[in-house]
Amino acid sequence: MFDKIVDIMLEYNNVPREAITPETRFLADLHMNSLDIMDMVGQMEEEFDVVIATEDLNDIFTVQDLVNYLNDLV
């Protein structure tokens, strides 16, 4: 799942693949804005056939947080 999430994230970031680790933070490390995050979330929902509750985004700070969250849904 991590690799697929990174594939999607690379569409929204101009960083090398190796720069994205489980500890990478969306805001602090990747400097993603809220529009990028919402677009990415929409793509994740389609890719994994899940619904990510907007209020749950408040607890997702790192790539690993997202992996854990999606693993719980799938």
PDB file of N, CA and C in Angstrom:
ATOM      1  N   MET A   1       0.826  -1.194   0.000  1.00  0.00           N
ATOM      2  CA  MET A   1       0.000   0.000   0.000  1.00  0.00           C
ATOM      3  C   MET A   1       0.875   1.265   0.000  1.00  0.00           C
ATOM      4  N   PHE A   2       1.988   1.216   0.747  1.00  0.00           N
ATOM      5  CA  PHE A   2       2.861   2.381   0.828  1.00  0.00           C
ATOM      6  C   PHE A   2       3.293   2.836  -0.562  1.00  0.00           C
ATOM      7  N   ASP A   3       3.719   1.890  -1.404  1.00  0.00           N
ATOM      8  CA  ASP A   3       4.203   2.253  -2.740  1.00  0.00           C
ATOM      9  C   ASP A   3       3.116   2.898  -3.590  1.00  0.00           C
ATOM     10  N   LYS A   4       1.896   2.393  -3.496  1.00  0.00           N
ATOM     11  CA  LYS A   4       0.794   2.978  -4.272  1.00  0.00           C
ATOM     12  C   LYS A   4       0.476   4.388  -3.776  1.00  0.00           C
ATOM     13  N   ILE A   5       0.523   4.579  -2.463  1.00  0.00           N
ATOM     14  CA  ILE A   5       0.297   5.916  -1.902  1.00  0.00           C
ATOM     15  C   ILE A   5       1.376   6.878  -2.383  1.00  0.00           C
ATOM     16  N   VAL A   6       2.613   6.428  -2.388  1.00  0.00           N
ATOM     17  CA  VAL A   6       3.708   7.276  -2.868  1.00  0.00           C
ATOM     18  C   VAL A   6       3.504   7.615  -4.338  1.00  0.00           C
ATOM     19  N   ASP A   7       3.092   6.644  -5.145  1.00  0.00           N
ATOM     20  CA  ASP A   7       2.822   6.914  -6.564  1.00  0.00           C
ATOM     21  C   ASP A   7       1.827   8.052  -6.716  1.00  0.00           C
ATOM     22  N   ILE A   8       0.762   8.000  -5.936  1.00  0.00           N
ATOM     23  CA  ILE A   8      -0.262   9.046  -6.013  1.00  0.00           C
ATOM     24  C   ILE A   8       0.303  10.372  -5.511  1.00  0.00           C
ATOM     25  N   MET A   9       1.044  10.332  -4.422  1.00  0.00           N
ATOM     26  CA  MET A   9       1.600  11.564  -3.858  1.00  0.00           C
ATOM     27  C   MET A   9       2.553  12.254  -4.821  1.00  0.00           C
ATOM     28  N   LEU A  10       3.280  11.490  -5.600  1.00  0.00           N
ATOM     29  CA  LEU A  10       4.236  12.074  -6.539  1.00  0.00           C
ATOM     30  C   LEU A  10       3.559  12.911  -7.618  1.00  0.00           C
ATOM     31  N   GLU A  11       2.276  12.662  -7.846  1.00  0.00           N
ATOM     32  CA  GLU A  11       1.524  13.474  -8.796  1.00  0.00           C
ATOM     33  C   GLU A  11       1.268  14.887  -8.252  1.00  0.00           C
ATOM     34  N   TYR A  12       1.387  15.051  -6.932  1.00  0.00           N
ATOM     35  CA  TYR A  12       1.089  16.329  -6.290  1.00  0.00           C
ATOM     36  C   TYR A  12       2.327  17.012  -5.725  1.00  0.00           C
ATOM     37  N   ASN A  13       3.478  16.379  -5.888  1.00  0.00           N
ATOM     38  CA  ASN A  13       4.716  16.922  -5.328  1.00  0.00           C
ATOM     39  C   ASN A  13       5.840  16.792  -6.327  1.00  0.00           C
ATOM     40  N   ASN A  14       6.704  17.759  -6.307  1.00  0.00           N
ATOM     41  CA  ASN A  14       7.870  17.721  -7.173  1.00  0.00           C
ATOM     42  C   ASN A  14       9.086  17.329  -6.332  1.00  0.00           C
ATOM     43  N   VAL A  15       9.026  16.134  -5.761  1.00  0.00           N
ATOM     44  CA  VAL A  15      10.126  15.627  -4.940  1.00  0.00           C
ATOM     45  C   VAL A  15      10.515  14.251  -5.465  1.00  0.00           C
ATOM     46  N   PRO A  16      11.742  13.851  -5.240  1.00  0.00           N
ATOM     47  CA  PRO A  16      12.131  12.499  -5.654  1.00  0.00           C
ATOM     48  C   PRO A  16      11.440  11.448  -4.798  1.00  0.00           C
ATOM     49  N   ARG A  17      11.187  10.301  -5.379  1.00  0.00           N
ATOM     50  CA  ARG A  17      10.507   9.203  -4.686  1.00  0.00           C
ATOM     51  C   ARG A  17      11.175   8.886  -3.356  1.00  0.00           C
ATOM     52  N   GLU A  18      12.500   8.865  -3.341  1.00  0.00           N
ATOM     53  CA  GLU A  18      13.223   8.494  -2.128  1.00  0.00           C
ATOM     54  C   GLU A  18      13.075   9.527  -1.008  1.00  0.00           C
ATOM     55  N   ALA A  19      12.554  10.700  -1.335  1.00  0.00           N
ATOM     56  CA  ALA A  19      12.330  11.726  -0.309  1.00  0.00           C
ATOM     57  C   ALA A  19      11.067  11.449   0.505  1.00  0.00           C
ATOM     58  N   ILE A  20      10.225  10.543   0.013  1.00  0.00           N
ATOM     59  CA  ILE A  20       8.988  10.235   0.717  1.00  0.00           C
ATOM     60  C   ILE A  20       9.192   8.943   1.506  1.00  0.00           C
ATOM     61  N   THR A  21       9.135   9.088   2.819  1.00  0.00           N
ATOM     62  CA  THR A  21       9.301   7.959   3.731  1.00  0.00           C
ATOM     63  C   THR A  21       8.041   7.869   4.595  1.00  0.00           C
ATOM     64  N   PRO A  22       7.916   6.823   5.391  1.00  0.00           N
ATOM     65  CA  PRO A  22       6.749   6.751   6.274  1.00  0.00           C
ATOM     66  C   PRO A  22       6.647   7.954   7.222  1.00  0.00           C
ATOM     67  N   GLU A  23       7.775   8.551   7.573  1.00  0.00           N
ATOM     68  CA  GLU A  23       7.783   9.680   8.504  1.00  0.00           C
ATOM     69  C   GLU A  23       7.550  11.036   7.830  1.00  0.00           C
ATOM     70  N   THR A  24       7.482  11.056   6.511  1.00  0.00           N
ATOM     71  CA  THR A  24       7.299  12.311   5.783  1.00  0.00           C
ATOM     72  C   THR A  24       5.964  12.943   6.158  1.00  0.00           C
ATOM     73  N   ARG A  25       6.019  14.240   6.481  1.00  0.00           N
ATOM     74  CA  ARG A  25       4.810  14.988   6.858  1.00  0.00           C
ATOM     75  C   ARG A  25       4.300  15.770   5.644  1.00  0.00           C
ATOM     76  N   PHE A  26       3.003  15.745   5.461  1.00  0.00           N
ATOM     77  CA  PHE A  26       2.403  16.389   4.290  1.00  0.00           C
ATOM     78  C   PHE A  26       2.640  17.895   4.277  1.00  0.00           C
ATOM     79  N   LEU A  27       2.405  18.540   5.385  1.00  0.00           N
ATOM     80  CA  LEU A  27       2.523  19.996   5.433  1.00  0.00           C
ATOM     81  C   LEU A  27       3.961  20.444   5.639  1.00  0.00           C
ATOM     82  N   ALA A  28       4.611  19.949   6.655  1.00  0.00           N
ATOM     83  CA  ALA A  28       5.941  20.438   7.026  1.00  0.00           C
ATOM     84  C   ALA A  28       7.026  20.017   6.044  1.00  0.00           C
ATOM     85  N   ASP A  29       6.960  18.789   5.545  1.00  0.00           N
ATOM     86  CA  ASP A  29       8.026  18.295   4.680  1.00  0.00           C
ATOM     87  C   ASP A  29       7.732  18.481   3.194  1.00  0.00           C
ATOM     88  N   LEU A  30       6.490  18.265   2.802  1.00  0.00           N
ATOM     89  CA  LEU A  30       6.136  18.346   1.386  1.00  0.00           C
ATOM     90  C   LEU A  30       5.508  19.680   1.008  1.00  0.00           C
ATOM     91  N   HIS A  31       5.181  20.485   2.003  1.00  0.00           N
ATOM     92  CA  HIS A  31       4.606  21.819   1.786  1.00  0.00           C
ATOM     93  C   HIS A  31       3.353  21.763   0.912  1.00  0.00           C
ATOM     94  N   MET A  32       2.539  20.737   1.143  1.00  0.00           N
ATOM     95  CA  MET A  32       1.292  20.617   0.393  1.00  0.00           C
ATOM     96  C   MET A  32       0.287  21.623   0.937  1.00  0.00           C
ATOM     97  N   ASN A  33      -0.506  22.194   0.045  1.00  0.00           N
ATOM     98  CA  ASN A  33      -1.563  23.094   0.498  1.00  0.00           C
ATOM     99  C   ASN A  33      -2.867  22.306   0.609  1.00  0.00           C
ATOM    100  N   SER A  34      -3.872  22.931   1.148  1.00  0.00           N
ATOM    101  CA  SER A  34      -5.128  22.225   1.413  1.00  0.00           C
ATOM    102  C   SER A  34      -5.781  21.716   0.129  1.00  0.00           C
ATOM    103  N   LEU A  35      -5.666  22.448  -0.960  1.00  0.00           N
ATOM    104  CA  LEU A  35      -6.242  21.997  -2.230  1.00  0.00           C
ATOM    105  C   LEU A  35      -5.530  20.738  -2.721  1.00  0.00           C
ATOM    106  N   ASP A  36      -4.198  20.730  -2.636  1.00  0.00           N
ATOM    107  CA  ASP A  36      -3.439  19.537  -3.023  1.00  0.00           C
ATOM    108  C   ASP A  36      -3.863  18.334  -2.190  1.00  0.00           C
ATOM    109  N   ILE A  37      -4.001  18.546  -0.899  1.00  0.00           N
ATOM    110  CA  ILE A  37      -4.371  17.457   0.000  1.00  0.00           C
ATOM    111  C   ILE A  37      -5.765  16.933  -0.334  1.00  0.00           C
ATOM    112  N   MET A  38      -6.704  17.821  -0.571  1.00  0.00           N
ATOM    113  CA  MET A  38      -8.072  17.379  -0.887  1.00  0.00           C
ATOM    114  C   MET A  38      -8.111  16.647  -2.226  1.00  0.00           C
ATOM    115  N   ASP A  39      -7.368  17.130  -3.207  1.00  0.00           N
ATOM    116  CA  ASP A  39      -7.299  16.432  -4.494  1.00  0.00           C
ATOM    117  C   ASP A  39      -6.686  15.046  -4.322  1.00  0.00           C
ATOM    118  N   MET A  40      -5.617  14.978  -3.547  1.00  0.00           N
ATOM    119  CA  MET A  40      -4.952  13.708  -3.305  1.00  0.00           C
ATOM    120  C   MET A  40      -5.881  12.741  -2.567  1.00  0.00           C
ATOM    121  N   VAL A  41      -6.612  13.255  -1.585  1.00  0.00           N
ATOM    122  CA  VAL A  41      -7.559  12.419  -0.835  1.00  0.00           C
ATOM    123  C   VAL A  41      -8.619  11.854  -1.782  1.00  0.00           C
ATOM    124  N   GLY A  42      -9.119  12.678  -2.670  1.00  0.00           N
ATOM    125  CA  GLY A  42     -10.101  12.207  -3.649  1.00  0.00           C
ATOM    126  C   GLY A  42      -9.541  11.089  -4.514  1.00  0.00           C
ATOM    127  N   GLN A  43      -8.314  11.231  -4.917  1.00  0.00           N
ATOM    128  CA  GLN A  43      -7.692  10.193  -5.727  1.00  0.00           C
ATOM    129  C   GLN A  43      -7.472   8.912  -4.907  1.00  0.00           C
ATOM    130  N   MET A  44      -7.090   9.064  -3.640  1.00  0.00           N
ATOM    131  CA  MET A  44      -6.910   7.898  -2.759  1.00  0.00           C
ATOM    132  C   MET A  44      -8.246   7.173  -2.573  1.00  0.00           C
ATOM    133  N   GLU A  45      -9.326   7.943  -2.418  1.00  0.00           N
ATOM    134  CA  GLU A  45     -10.647   7.340  -2.253  1.00  0.00           C
ATOM    135  C   GLU A  45     -11.011   6.504  -3.475  1.00  0.00           C
ATOM    136  N   GLU A  46     -10.738   7.045  -4.659  1.00  0.00           N
ATOM    137  CA  GLU A  46     -11.023   6.300  -5.883  1.00  0.00           C
ATOM    138  C   GLU A  46     -10.147   5.066  -5.997  1.00  0.00           C
ATOM    139  N   GLU A  47      -8.869   5.233  -5.761  1.00  0.00           N
ATOM    140  CA  GLU A  47      -7.911   4.136  -5.920  1.00  0.00           C
ATOM    141  C   GLU A  47      -8.207   2.972  -4.984  1.00  0.00           C
ATOM    142  N   PHE A  48      -8.541   3.274  -3.732  1.00  0.00           N
ATOM    143  CA  PHE A  48      -8.730   2.228  -2.738  1.00  0.00           C
ATOM    144  C   PHE A  48     -10.200   1.933  -2.456  1.00  0.00           C
ATOM    145  N   ASP A  49     -11.102   2.618  -3.178  1.00  0.00           N
ATOM    146  CA  ASP A  49     -12.544   2.413  -3.027  1.00  0.00           C
ATOM    147  C   ASP A  49     -12.986   2.559  -1.568  1.00  0.00           C
ATOM    148  N   VAL A  50     -12.615   3.698  -0.989  1.00  0.00           N
ATOM    149  CA  VAL A  50     -12.959   4.018   0.400  1.00  0.00           C
ATOM    150  C   VAL A  50     -13.475   5.444   0.464  1.00  0.00           C
ATOM    151  N   VAL A  51     -14.013   5.803   1.608  1.00  0.00           N
ATOM    152  CA  VAL A  51     -14.398   7.179   1.893  1.00  0.00           C
ATOM    153  C   VAL A  51     -13.560   7.633   3.079  1.00  0.00           C
ATOM    154  N   ILE A  52     -12.828   8.707   2.888  1.00  0.00           N
ATOM    155  CA  ILE A  52     -12.006   9.266   3.954  1.00  0.00           C
ATOM    156  C   ILE A  52     -12.772  10.442   4.542  1.00  0.00           C
ATOM    157  N   ALA A  53     -13.171  10.305   5.786  1.00  0.00           N
ATOM    158  CA  ALA A  53     -13.949  11.352   6.437  1.00  0.00           C
ATOM    159  C   ALA A  53     -13.090  12.600   6.625  1.00  0.00           C
ATOM    160  N   THR A  54     -13.641  13.741   6.286  1.00  0.00           N
ATOM    161  CA  THR A  54     -12.903  14.998   6.380  1.00  0.00           C
ATOM    162  C   THR A  54     -12.366  15.227   7.789  1.00  0.00           C
ATOM    163  N   GLU A  55     -13.152  14.911   8.805  1.00  0.00           N
ATOM    164  CA  GLU A  55     -12.693  15.135  10.177  1.00  0.00           C
ATOM    165  C   GLU A  55     -11.524  14.213  10.543  1.00  0.00           C
ATOM    166  N   ASP A  56     -11.410  13.077   9.870  1.00  0.00           N
ATOM    167  CA  ASP A  56     -10.286  12.175  10.140  1.00  0.00           C
ATOM    168  C   ASP A  56      -8.962  12.731   9.632  1.00  0.00           C
ATOM    169  N   LEU A  57      -9.024  13.644   8.671  1.00  0.00           N
ATOM    170  CA  LEU A  57      -7.797  14.243   8.141  1.00  0.00           C
ATOM    171  C   LEU A  57      -7.030  15.017   9.213  1.00  0.00           C
ATOM    172  N   ASN A  58      -7.726  15.450  10.254  1.00  0.00           N
ATOM    173  CA  ASN A  58      -7.077  16.176  11.345  1.00  0.00           C
ATOM    174  C   ASN A  58      -6.079  15.317  12.105  1.00  0.00           C
ATOM    175  N   ASP A  59      -6.171  13.995  11.959  1.00  0.00           N
ATOM    176  CA  ASP A  59      -5.281  13.073  12.658  1.00  0.00           C
ATOM    177  C   ASP A  59      -4.260  12.424  11.732  1.00  0.00           C
ATOM    178  N   ILE A  60      -4.223  12.852  10.476  1.00  0.00           N
ATOM    179  CA  ILE A  60      -3.295  12.264   9.504  1.00  0.00           C
ATOM    180  C   ILE A  60      -2.244  13.317   9.165  1.00  0.00           C
ATOM    181  N   PHE A  61      -1.048  13.116   9.712  1.00  0.00           N
ATOM    182  CA  PHE A  61       0.039  14.075   9.515  1.00  0.00           C
ATOM    183  C   PHE A  61       1.162  13.533   8.646  1.00  0.00           C
ATOM    184  N   THR A  62       1.383  12.215   8.728  1.00  0.00           N
ATOM    185  CA  THR A  62       2.498  11.608   8.003  1.00  0.00           C
ATOM    186  C   THR A  62       1.985  10.582   7.000  1.00  0.00           C
ATOM    187  N   VAL A  63       2.876  10.159   6.139  1.00  0.00           N
ATOM    188  CA  VAL A  63       2.520   9.119   5.179  1.00  0.00           C
ATOM    189  C   VAL A  63       2.115   7.848   5.924  1.00  0.00           C
ATOM    190  N   GLN A  64       2.827   7.516   6.990  1.00  0.00           N
ATOM    191  CA  GLN A  64       2.474   6.315   7.752  1.00  0.00           C
ATOM    192  C   GLN A  64       1.096   6.442   8.389  1.00  0.00           C
ATOM    193  N   ASP A  65       0.739   7.627   8.840  1.00  0.00           N
ATOM    194  CA  ASP A  65      -0.614   7.840   9.363  1.00  0.00           C
ATOM    195  C   ASP A  65      -1.651   7.493   8.301  1.00  0.00           C
ATOM    196  N   LEU A  66      -1.390   7.910   7.073  1.00  0.00           N
ATOM    197  CA  LEU A  66      -2.315   7.634   5.973  1.00  0.00           C
ATOM    198  C   LEU A  66      -2.347   6.149   5.655  1.00  0.00           C
ATOM    199  N   VAL A  67      -1.194   5.508   5.633  1.00  0.00           N
ATOM    200  CA  VAL A  67      -1.130   4.065   5.395  1.00  0.00           C
ATOM    201  C   VAL A  67      -1.953   3.330   6.446  1.00  0.00           C
ATOM    202  N   ASN A  68      -1.740   3.667   7.710  1.00  0.00           N
ATOM    203  CA  ASN A  68      -2.476   3.009   8.796  1.00  0.00           C
ATOM    204  C   ASN A  68      -3.979   3.221   8.647  1.00  0.00           C
ATOM    205  N   TYR A  69      -4.366   4.457   8.343  1.00  0.00           N
ATOM    206  CA  TYR A  69      -5.780   4.789   8.207  1.00  0.00           C
ATOM    207  C   TYR A  69      -6.402   3.967   7.076  1.00  0.00           C
ATOM    208  N   LEU A  70      -5.745   3.946   5.925  1.00  0.00           N
ATOM    209  CA  LEU A  70      -6.288   3.212   4.784  1.00  0.00           C
ATOM    210  C   LEU A  70      -6.306   1.712   5.048  1.00  0.00           C
ATOM    211  N   ASN A  71      -5.291   1.202   5.709  1.00  0.00           N
ATOM    212  CA  ASN A  71      -5.274  -0.233   6.053  1.00  0.00           C
ATOM    213  C   ASN A  71      -6.464  -0.595   6.926  1.00  0.00           C
ATOM    214  N   ASP A  72      -6.868   0.305   7.809  1.00  0.00           N
ATOM    215  CA  ASP A  72      -8.028   0.059   8.666  1.00  0.00           C
ATOM    216  C   ASP A  72      -9.341   0.052   7.864  1.00  0.00           C
ATOM    217  N   LEU A  73      -9.368   0.788   6.765  1.00  0.00           N
ATOM    218  CA  LEU A  73     -10.586   0.872   5.955  1.00  0.00           C
ATOM    219  C   LEU A  73     -10.711  -0.250   4.933  1.00  0.00           C
ATOM    220  N   VAL A  74      -9.587  -0.729   4.468  1.00  0.00           N
ATOM    221  CA  VAL A  74      -9.612  -1.708   3.367  1.00  0.00           C
ATOM    222  C   VAL A  74      -9.773  -3.102   3.897  1.00  0.00           C
TER     223      VAL A  74
END
